[in-house]
Amino acid sequence: MSSLTTIRVPRPLYDRLAQRARASNTTLAVALEHALDAADEQDFWAAVRVSNRHADADTLASVALRDNLDEPADDAHGTARW
């Protein structure tokens, strides 16, 4: 069994957590764990959005469009050389 500890929280916070646990038919510990997991996931996706916002759009476009598919020489290869 894992070790246990006690934390002191304001009564309104305890009541919110207890209400969440009852609604999910689970324990206070599991309700708290779910809340922390959800917060971690929100933090992760927020960091992804920030990272994507700072990505150089020109660099992304050049990677995506590196092969010029409209190039006439491509047609000369025929299907055997693709």
PDB file of N, CA and C in Angstrom:
ATOM      1  N   MET A   1       0.849  -1.182   0.000  1.00  0.00           N
ATOM      2  CA  MET A   1       0.000   0.000   0.000  1.00  0.00           C
ATOM      3  C   MET A   1       0.889   1.238   0.000  1.00  0.00           C
ATOM      4  N   SER A   2       0.476   2.232  -0.764  1.00  0.00           N
ATOM      5  CA  SER A   2       1.240   3.466  -0.810  1.00  0.00           C
ATOM      6  C   SER A   2       1.073   4.239   0.491  1.00  0.00           C
ATOM      7  N   SER A   3       2.042   5.087   0.761  1.00  0.00           N
ATOM      8  CA  SER A   3       1.961   5.877   1.978  1.00  0.00           C
ATOM      9  C   SER A   3       0.880   6.947   1.829  1.00  0.00           C
ATOM     10  N   LEU A   4       0.306   7.336   2.915  1.00  0.00           N
ATOM     11  CA  LEU A   4      -0.761   8.330   2.931  1.00  0.00           C
ATOM     12  C   LEU A   4      -0.309   9.546   3.723  1.00  0.00           C
ATOM     13  N   THR A   5      -0.931  10.666   3.428  1.00  0.00           N
ATOM     14  CA  THR A   5      -0.658  11.886   4.174  1.00  0.00           C
ATOM     15  C   THR A   5      -1.960  12.668   4.293  1.00  0.00           C
ATOM     16  N   THR A   6      -1.937  13.666   5.105  1.00  0.00           N
ATOM     17  CA  THR A   6      -3.103  14.518   5.306  1.00  0.00           C
ATOM     18  C   THR A   6      -2.762  15.923   4.809  1.00  0.00           C
ATOM     19  N   ILE A   7      -3.721  16.547   4.135  1.00  0.00           N
ATOM     20  CA  ILE A   7      -3.525  17.937   3.736  1.00  0.00           C
ATOM     21  C   ILE A   7      -4.646  18.777   4.325  1.00  0.00           C
ATOM     22  N   ARG A   8      -4.347  20.021   4.577  1.00  0.00           N
ATOM     23  CA  ARG A   8      -5.352  20.942   5.091  1.00  0.00           C
ATOM     24  C   ARG A   8      -5.809  21.808   3.932  1.00  0.00           C
ATOM     25  N   VAL A   9      -7.111  21.826   3.712  1.00  0.00           N
ATOM     26  CA  VAL A   9      -7.682  22.653   2.643  1.00  0.00           C
ATOM     27  C   VAL A   9      -8.851  23.438   3.220  1.00  0.00           C
ATOM     28  N   PRO A  10      -9.121  24.586   2.652  1.00  0.00           N
ATOM     29  CA  PRO A  10     -10.283  25.349   3.112  1.00  0.00           C
ATOM     30  C   PRO A  10     -11.563  24.535   2.904  1.00  0.00           C
ATOM     31  N   ARG A  11     -12.517  24.725   3.771  1.00  0.00           N
ATOM     32  CA  ARG A  11     -13.766  23.957   3.714  1.00  0.00           C
ATOM     33  C   ARG A  11     -14.471  24.067   2.356  1.00  0.00           C
ATOM     34  N   PRO A  12     -14.547  25.261   1.750  1.00  0.00           N
ATOM     35  CA  PRO A  12     -15.212  25.333   0.445  1.00  0.00           C
ATOM     36  C   PRO A  12     -14.523  24.458  -0.621  1.00  0.00           C
ATOM     37  N   LEU A  13     -13.199  24.384  -0.563  1.00  0.00           N
ATOM     38  CA  LEU A  13     -12.476  23.535  -1.506  1.00  0.00           C
ATOM     39  C   LEU A  13     -12.760  22.067  -1.225  1.00  0.00           C
ATOM     40  N   TYR A  14     -12.760  21.686   0.034  1.00  0.00           N
ATOM     41  CA  TYR A  14     -13.106  20.313   0.411  1.00  0.00           C
ATOM     42  C   TYR A  14     -14.510  19.960  -0.074  1.00  0.00           C
ATOM     43  N   ASP A  15     -15.436  20.871   0.103  1.00  0.00           N
ATOM     44  CA  ASP A  15     -16.818  20.621  -0.320  1.00  0.00           C
ATOM     45  C   ASP A  15     -16.905  20.425  -1.838  1.00  0.00           C
ATOM     46  N   ARG A  16     -16.174  21.244  -2.582  1.00  0.00           N
ATOM     47  CA  ARG A  16     -16.161  21.088  -4.044  1.00  0.00           C
ATOM     48  C   ARG A  16     -15.596  19.733  -4.440  1.00  0.00           C
ATOM     49  N   LEU A  17     -14.507  19.347  -3.810  1.00  0.00           N
ATOM     50  CA  LEU A  17     -13.880  18.063  -4.110  1.00  0.00           C
ATOM     51  C   LEU A  17     -14.803  16.908  -3.734  1.00  0.00           C
ATOM     52  N   ALA A  18     -15.448  17.014  -2.566  1.00  0.00           N
ATOM     53  CA  ALA A  18     -16.372  15.964  -2.138  1.00  0.00           C
ATOM     54  C   ALA A  18     -17.555  15.860  -3.093  1.00  0.00           C
ATOM     55  N   GLN A  19     -18.057  16.992  -3.556  1.00  0.00           N
ATOM     56  CA  GLN A  19     -19.166  16.979  -4.505  1.00  0.00           C
ATOM     57  C   GLN A  19     -18.744  16.308  -5.811  1.00  0.00           C
ATOM     58  N   ARG A  20     -17.540  16.614  -6.276  1.00  0.00           N
ATOM     59  CA  ARG A  20     -17.024  15.993  -7.506  1.00  0.00           C
ATOM     60  C   ARG A  20     -16.869  14.478  -7.314  1.00  0.00           C
ATOM     61  N   ALA A  21     -16.364  14.083  -6.163  1.00  0.00           N
ATOM     62  CA  ALA A  21     -16.177  12.658  -5.888  1.00  0.00           C
ATOM     63  C   ALA A  21     -17.522  11.933  -5.860  1.00  0.00           C
ATOM     64  N   ARG A  22     -18.506  12.527  -5.204  1.00  0.00           N
ATOM     65  CA  ARG A  22     -19.845  11.907  -5.164  1.00  0.00           C
ATOM     66  C   ARG A  22     -20.438  11.780  -6.558  1.00  0.00           C
ATOM     67  N   ALA A  23     -20.300  12.826  -7.360  1.00  0.00           N
ATOM     68  CA  ALA A  23     -20.860  12.815  -8.715  1.00  0.00           C
ATOM     69  C   ALA A  23     -20.202  11.741  -9.582  1.00  0.00           C
ATOM     70  N   SER A  24     -18.939  11.459  -9.306  1.00  0.00           N
ATOM     71  CA  SER A  24     -18.208  10.448 -10.072  1.00  0.00           C
ATOM     72  C   SER A  24     -18.219   9.091  -9.390  1.00  0.00           C
ATOM     73  N   ASN A  25     -18.898   9.021  -8.258  1.00  0.00           N
ATOM     74  CA  ASN A  25     -18.973   7.780  -7.487  1.00  0.00           C
ATOM     75  C   ASN A  25     -17.570   7.232  -7.199  1.00  0.00           C
ATOM     76  N   THR A  26     -16.729   8.108  -6.677  1.00  0.00           N
ATOM     77  CA  THR A  26     -15.343   7.731  -6.399  1.00  0.00           C
ATOM     78  C   THR A  26     -14.889   8.353  -5.088  1.00  0.00           C
ATOM     79  N   THR A  27     -13.635   8.181  -4.768  1.00  0.00           N
ATOM     80  CA  THR A  27     -13.090   8.723  -3.526  1.00  0.00           C
ATOM     81  C   THR A  27     -12.563  10.144  -3.739  1.00  0.00           C
ATOM     82  N   LEU A  28     -12.297  10.812  -2.636  1.00  0.00           N
ATOM     83  CA  LEU A  28     -11.701  12.143  -2.713  1.00  0.00           C
ATOM     84  C   LEU A  28     -10.335  12.079  -3.402  1.00  0.00           C
ATOM     85  N   ALA A  29      -9.560  11.059  -3.090  1.00  0.00           N
ATOM     86  CA  ALA A  29      -8.227  10.931  -3.681  1.00  0.00           C
ATOM     87  C   ALA A  29      -8.302  10.776  -5.194  1.00  0.00           C
ATOM     88  N   VAL A  30      -9.222   9.950  -5.669  1.00  0.00           N
ATOM     89  CA  VAL A  30      -9.349   9.745  -7.114  1.00  0.00           C
ATOM     90  C   VAL A  30      -9.877  11.009  -7.781  1.00  0.00           C
ATOM     91  N   ALA A  31     -10.810  11.695  -7.153  1.00  0.00           N
ATOM     92  CA  ALA A  31     -11.321  12.951  -7.717  1.00  0.00           C
ATOM     93  C   ALA A  31     -10.205  13.984  -7.815  1.00  0.00           C
ATOM     94  N   LEU A  32      -9.362  14.053  -6.804  1.00  0.00           N
ATOM     95  CA  LEU A  32      -8.233  14.976  -6.827  1.00  0.00           C
ATOM     96  C   LEU A  32      -7.232  14.573  -7.909  1.00  0.00           C
ATOM     97  N   GLU A  33      -6.975  13.290  -8.036  1.00  0.00           N
ATOM     98  CA  GLU A  33      -6.062  12.808  -9.075  1.00  0.00           C
ATOM     99  C   GLU A  33      -6.588  13.153 -10.467  1.00  0.00           C
ATOM    100  N   HIS A  34      -7.885  12.973 -10.691  1.00  0.00           N
ATOM    101  CA  HIS A  34      -8.481  13.316 -11.989  1.00  0.00           C
ATOM    102  C   HIS A  34      -8.363  14.818 -12.268  1.00  0.00           C
ATOM    103  N   ALA A  35      -8.577  15.627 -11.248  1.00  0.00           N
ATOM    104  CA  ALA A  35      -8.463  17.077 -11.420  1.00  0.00           C
ATOM    105  C   ALA A  35      -7.027  17.469 -11.784  1.00  0.00           C
ATOM    106  N   LEU A  36      -6.045  16.851 -11.133  1.00  0.00           N
ATOM    107  CA  LEU A  36      -4.648  17.142 -11.450  1.00  0.00           C
ATOM    108  C   LEU A  36      -4.284  16.648 -12.846  1.00  0.00           C
ATOM    109  N   ASP A  37      -4.792  15.473 -13.226  1.00  0.00           N
ATOM    110  CA  ASP A  37      -4.536  14.956 -14.576  1.00  0.00           C
ATOM    111  C   ASP A  37      -5.102  15.901 -15.634  1.00  0.00           C
ATOM    112  N   ALA A  38      -6.301  16.404 -15.398  1.00  0.00           N
ATOM    113  CA  ALA A  38      -6.923  17.336 -16.342  1.00  0.00           C
ATOM    114  C   ALA A  38      -6.118  18.626 -16.427  1.00  0.00           C
ATOM    115  N   ALA A  39      -5.629  19.116 -15.304  1.00  0.00           N
ATOM    116  CA  ALA A  39      -4.812  20.330 -15.302  1.00  0.00           C
ATOM    117  C   ALA A  39      -3.499  20.096 -16.042  1.00  0.00           C
ATOM    118  N   ASP A  40      -2.884  18.933 -15.836  1.00  0.00           N
ATOM    119  CA  ASP A  40      -1.648  18.600 -16.556  1.00  0.00           C
ATOM    120  C   ASP A  40      -1.884  18.557 -18.059  1.00  0.00           C
ATOM    121  N   GLU A  41      -3.002  17.985 -18.470  1.00  0.00           N
ATOM    122  CA  GLU A  41      -3.311  17.905 -19.896  1.00  0.00           C
ATOM    123  C   GLU A  41      -3.543  19.300 -20.481  1.00  0.00           C
ATOM    124  N   GLN A  42      -4.243  20.154 -19.751  1.00  0.00           N
ATOM    125  CA  GLN A  42      -4.446  21.532 -20.217  1.00  0.00           C
ATOM    126  C   GLN A  42      -3.114  22.264 -20.362  1.00  0.00           C
ATOM    127  N   ASP A  43      -2.221  22.063 -19.402  1.00  0.00           N
ATOM    128  CA  ASP A  43      -0.897  22.696 -19.475  1.00  0.00           C
ATOM    129  C   ASP A  43      -0.127  22.202 -20.692  1.00  0.00           C
ATOM    130  N   PHE A  44      -0.200  20.889 -20.955  1.00  0.00           N
ATOM    131  CA  PHE A  44       0.499  20.322 -22.101  1.00  0.00           C
ATOM    132  C   PHE A  44       0.011  20.951 -23.400  1.00  0.00           C
ATOM    133  N   TRP A  45      -1.318  20.987 -23.595  1.00  0.00           N
ATOM    134  CA  TRP A  45      -1.854  21.522 -24.851  1.00  0.00           C
ATOM    135  C   TRP A  45      -1.633  23.024 -24.966  1.00  0.00           C
ATOM    136  N   ALA A  46      -1.614  23.724 -23.858  1.00  0.00           N
ATOM    137  CA  ALA A  46      -1.290  25.160 -23.900  1.00  0.00           C
ATOM    138  C   ALA A  46       0.144  25.350 -24.381  1.00  0.00           C
ATOM    139  N   ALA A  47       1.059  24.507 -23.908  1.00  0.00           N
ATOM    140  CA  ALA A  47       2.457  24.592 -24.343  1.00  0.00           C
ATOM    141  C   ALA A  47       2.580  24.248 -25.827  1.00  0.00           C
ATOM    142  N   VAL A  48       1.811  23.285 -26.300  1.00  0.00           N
ATOM    143  CA  VAL A  48       1.830  22.937 -27.729  1.00  0.00           C
ATOM    144  C   VAL A  48       1.362  24.126 -28.556  1.00  0.00           C
ATOM    145  N   ARG A  49       0.282  24.778 -28.115  1.00  0.00           N
ATOM    146  CA  ARG A  49      -0.224  25.936 -28.854  1.00  0.00           C
ATOM    147  C   ARG A  49       0.813  27.057 -28.903  1.00  0.00           C
ATOM    148  N   VAL A  50       1.481  27.306 -27.791  1.00  0.00           N
ATOM    149  CA  VAL A  50       2.508  28.352 -27.756  1.00  0.00           C
ATOM    150  C   VAL A  50       3.653  27.973 -28.687  1.00  0.00           C
ATOM    151  N   SER A  51       4.065  26.725 -28.639  1.00  0.00           N
ATOM    152  CA  SER A  51       5.160  26.266 -29.497  1.00  0.00           C
ATOM    153  C   SER A  51       4.794  26.402 -30.975  1.00  0.00           C
ATOM    154  N   ASN A  52       3.588  26.026 -31.327  1.00  0.00           N
ATOM    155  CA  ASN A  52       3.151  26.123 -32.719  1.00  0.00           C
ATOM    156  C   ASN A  52       3.029  27.577 -33.170  1.00  0.00           C
ATOM    157  N   ARG A  53       2.630  28.448 -32.274  1.00  0.00           N
ATOM    158  CA  ARG A  53       2.503  29.856 -32.605  1.00  0.00           C
ATOM    159  C   ARG A  53       3.864  30.463 -32.926  1.00  0.00           C
ATOM    160  N   HIS A  54       4.898  29.964 -32.272  1.00  0.00           N
ATOM    161  CA  HIS A  54       6.230  30.509 -32.469  1.00  0.00           C
ATOM    162  C   HIS A  54       6.982  29.827 -33.609  1.00  0.00           C
ATOM    163  N   ALA A  55       6.413  28.790 -34.182  1.00  0.00           N
ATOM    164  CA  ALA A  55       7.077  28.104 -35.292  1.00  0.00           C
ATOM    165  C   ALA A  55       7.140  29.045 -36.490  1.00  0.00           C
ATOM    166  N   ASP A  56       8.213  28.977 -37.204  1.00  0.00           N
ATOM    167  CA  ASP A  56       8.401  29.828 -38.371  1.00  0.00           C
ATOM    168  C   ASP A  56       7.514  29.318 -39.497  1.00  0.00           C
ATOM    169  N   ALA A  57       6.513  30.076 -39.877  1.00  0.00           N
ATOM    170  CA  ALA A  57       5.556  29.651 -40.897  1.00  0.00           C
ATOM    171  C   ALA A  57       6.250  29.381 -42.221  1.00  0.00           C
ATOM    172  N   ASP A  58       7.258  30.184 -42.577  1.00  0.00           N
ATOM    173  CA  ASP A  58       7.978  29.968 -43.829  1.00  0.00           C
ATOM    174  C   ASP A  58       8.709  28.635 -43.813  1.00  0.00           C
ATOM    175  N   THR A  59       9.291  28.288 -42.677  1.00  0.00           N
ATOM    176  CA  THR A  59       9.998  27.016 -42.567  1.00  0.00           C
ATOM    177  C   THR A  59       9.019  25.867 -42.730  1.00  0.00           C
ATOM    178  N   LEU A  60       7.871  25.957 -42.068  1.00  0.00           N
ATOM    179  CA  LEU A  60       6.875  24.894 -42.192  1.00  0.00           C
ATOM    180  C   LEU A  60       6.388  24.765 -43.620  1.00  0.00           C
ATOM    181  N   ALA A  61       6.161  25.876 -44.273  1.00  0.00           N
ATOM    182  CA  ALA A  61       5.690  25.836 -45.654  1.00  0.00           C
ATOM    183  C   ALA A  61       6.751  25.243 -46.562  1.00  0.00           C
ATOM    184  N   SER A  62       8.015  25.589 -46.345  1.00  0.00           N
ATOM    185  CA  SER A  62       9.061  25.060 -47.223  1.00  0.00           C
ATOM    186  C   SER A  62       9.223  23.562 -47.049  1.00  0.00           C
ATOM    187  N   VAL A  63       9.029  23.058 -45.859  1.00  0.00           N
ATOM    188  CA  VAL A  63       9.106  21.612 -45.643  1.00  0.00           C
ATOM    189  C   VAL A  63       7.936  20.930 -46.324  1.00  0.00           C
ATOM    190  N   ALA A  64       6.752  21.492 -46.162  1.00  0.00           N
ATOM    191  CA  ALA A  64       5.553  20.871 -46.727  1.00  0.00           C
ATOM    192  C   ALA A  64       5.551  20.928 -48.251  1.00  0.00           C
ATOM    193  N   LEU A  65       6.147  21.951 -48.812  1.00  0.00           N
ATOM    194  CA  LEU A  65       6.093  22.143 -50.259  1.00  0.00           C
ATOM    195  C   LEU A  65       7.445  21.921 -50.934  1.00  0.00           C
ATOM    196  N   ARG A  66       8.307  21.164 -50.298  1.00  0.00           N
ATOM    197  CA  ARG A  66       9.655  20.967 -50.831  1.00  0.00           C
ATOM    198  C   ARG A  66       9.623  20.363 -52.235  1.00  0.00           C
ATOM    199  N   ASP A  67       8.722  19.437 -52.494  1.00  0.00           N
ATOM    200  CA  ASP A  67       8.629  18.812 -53.809  1.00  0.00           C
ATOM    201  C   ASP A  67       7.633  19.594 -54.654  1.00  0.00           C
ATOM    202  N   ASN A  68       8.087  20.134 -55.749  1.00  0.00           N
ATOM    203  CA  ASN A  68       7.219  20.875 -56.652  1.00  0.00           C
ATOM    204  C   ASN A  68       6.506  19.872 -57.557  1.00  0.00           C
ATOM    205  N   LEU A  69       5.282  19.538 -57.237  1.00  0.00           N
ATOM    206  CA  LEU A  69       4.556  18.518 -57.984  1.00  0.00           C
ATOM    207  C   LEU A  69       4.101  18.995 -59.356  1.00  0.00           C
ATOM    208  N   ASP A  70       4.186  20.291 -59.605  1.00  0.00           N
ATOM    209  CA  ASP A  70       3.800  20.829 -60.918  1.00  0.00           C
ATOM    210  C   ASP A  70       4.962  20.825 -61.903  1.00  0.00           C
ATOM    211  N   GLU A  71       6.083  20.324 -61.494  1.00  0.00           N
ATOM    212  CA  GLU A  71       7.268  20.342 -62.347  1.00  0.00           C
ATOM    213  C   GLU A  71       7.074  19.406 -63.551  1.00  0.00           C
ATOM    214  N   PRO A  72       7.181  19.908 -64.781  1.00  0.00           N
ATOM    215  CA  PRO A  72       6.953  19.087 -65.981  1.00  0.00           C
ATOM    216  C   PRO A  72       7.892  17.886 -66.071  1.00  0.00           C
ATOM    217  N   ALA A  73       9.086  18.007 -65.554  1.00  0.00           N
ATOM    218  CA  ALA A  73      10.043  16.902 -65.635  1.00  0.00           C
ATOM    219  C   ALA A  73       9.556  15.679 -64.857  1.00  0.00           C
ATOM    220  N   ASP A  74       8.710  15.892 -63.858  1.00  0.00           N
ATOM    221  CA  ASP A  74       8.175  14.757 -63.102  1.00  0.00           C
ATOM    222  C   ASP A  74       7.371  13.825 -63.997  1.00  0.00           C
ATOM    223  N   ASP A  75       6.640  14.402 -64.938  1.00  0.00           N
ATOM    224  CA  ASP A  75       5.817  13.580 -65.822  1.00  0.00           C
ATOM    225  C   ASP A  75       6.674  12.712 -66.737  1.00  0.00           C
ATOM    226  N   ALA A  76       7.877  13.136 -67.036  1.00  0.00           N
ATOM    227  CA  ALA A  76       8.753  12.386 -67.930  1.00  0.00           C
ATOM    228  C   ALA A  76       9.250  11.093 -67.301  1.00  0.00           C
ATOM    229  N   HIS A  77       9.213  10.986 -65.987  1.00  0.00           N
ATOM    230  CA  HIS A  77       9.697   9.785 -65.325  1.00  0.00           C
ATOM    231  C   HIS A  77       8.798   8.594 -65.569  1.00  0.00           C
ATOM    232  N   GLY A  78       7.539   8.848 -65.751  1.00  0.00           N
ATOM    233  CA  GLY A  78       6.595   7.741 -65.915  1.00  0.00           C
ATOM    234  C   GLY A  78       6.364   7.057 -64.568  1.00  0.00           C
ATOM    235  N   THR A  79       5.410   6.172 -64.552  1.00  0.00           N
ATOM    236  CA  THR A  79       5.044   5.520 -63.306  1.00  0.00           C
ATOM    237  C   THR A  79       6.096   4.533 -62.816  1.00  0.00           C
ATOM    238  N   ALA A  80       6.898   3.988 -63.684  1.00  0.00           N
ATOM    239  CA  ALA A  80       7.905   3.004 -63.297  1.00  0.00           C
ATOM    240  C   ALA A  80       8.991   3.626 -62.434  1.00  0.00           C
ATOM    241  N   ARG A  81       9.262   4.888 -62.602  1.00  0.00           N
ATOM    242  CA  ARG A  81      10.350   5.530 -61.865  1.00  0.00           C
ATOM    243  C   ARG A  81       9.869   6.214 -60.588  1.00  0.00           C
ATOM    244  N   TRP A  82       8.600   6.176 -60.281  1.00  0.00           N
ATOM    245  CA  TRP A  82       8.095   6.775 -59.047  1.00  0.00           C
ATOM    246  C   TRP A  82       8.353   5.830 -57.965  1.00  0.00           C
TER     247      TRP A  82
END
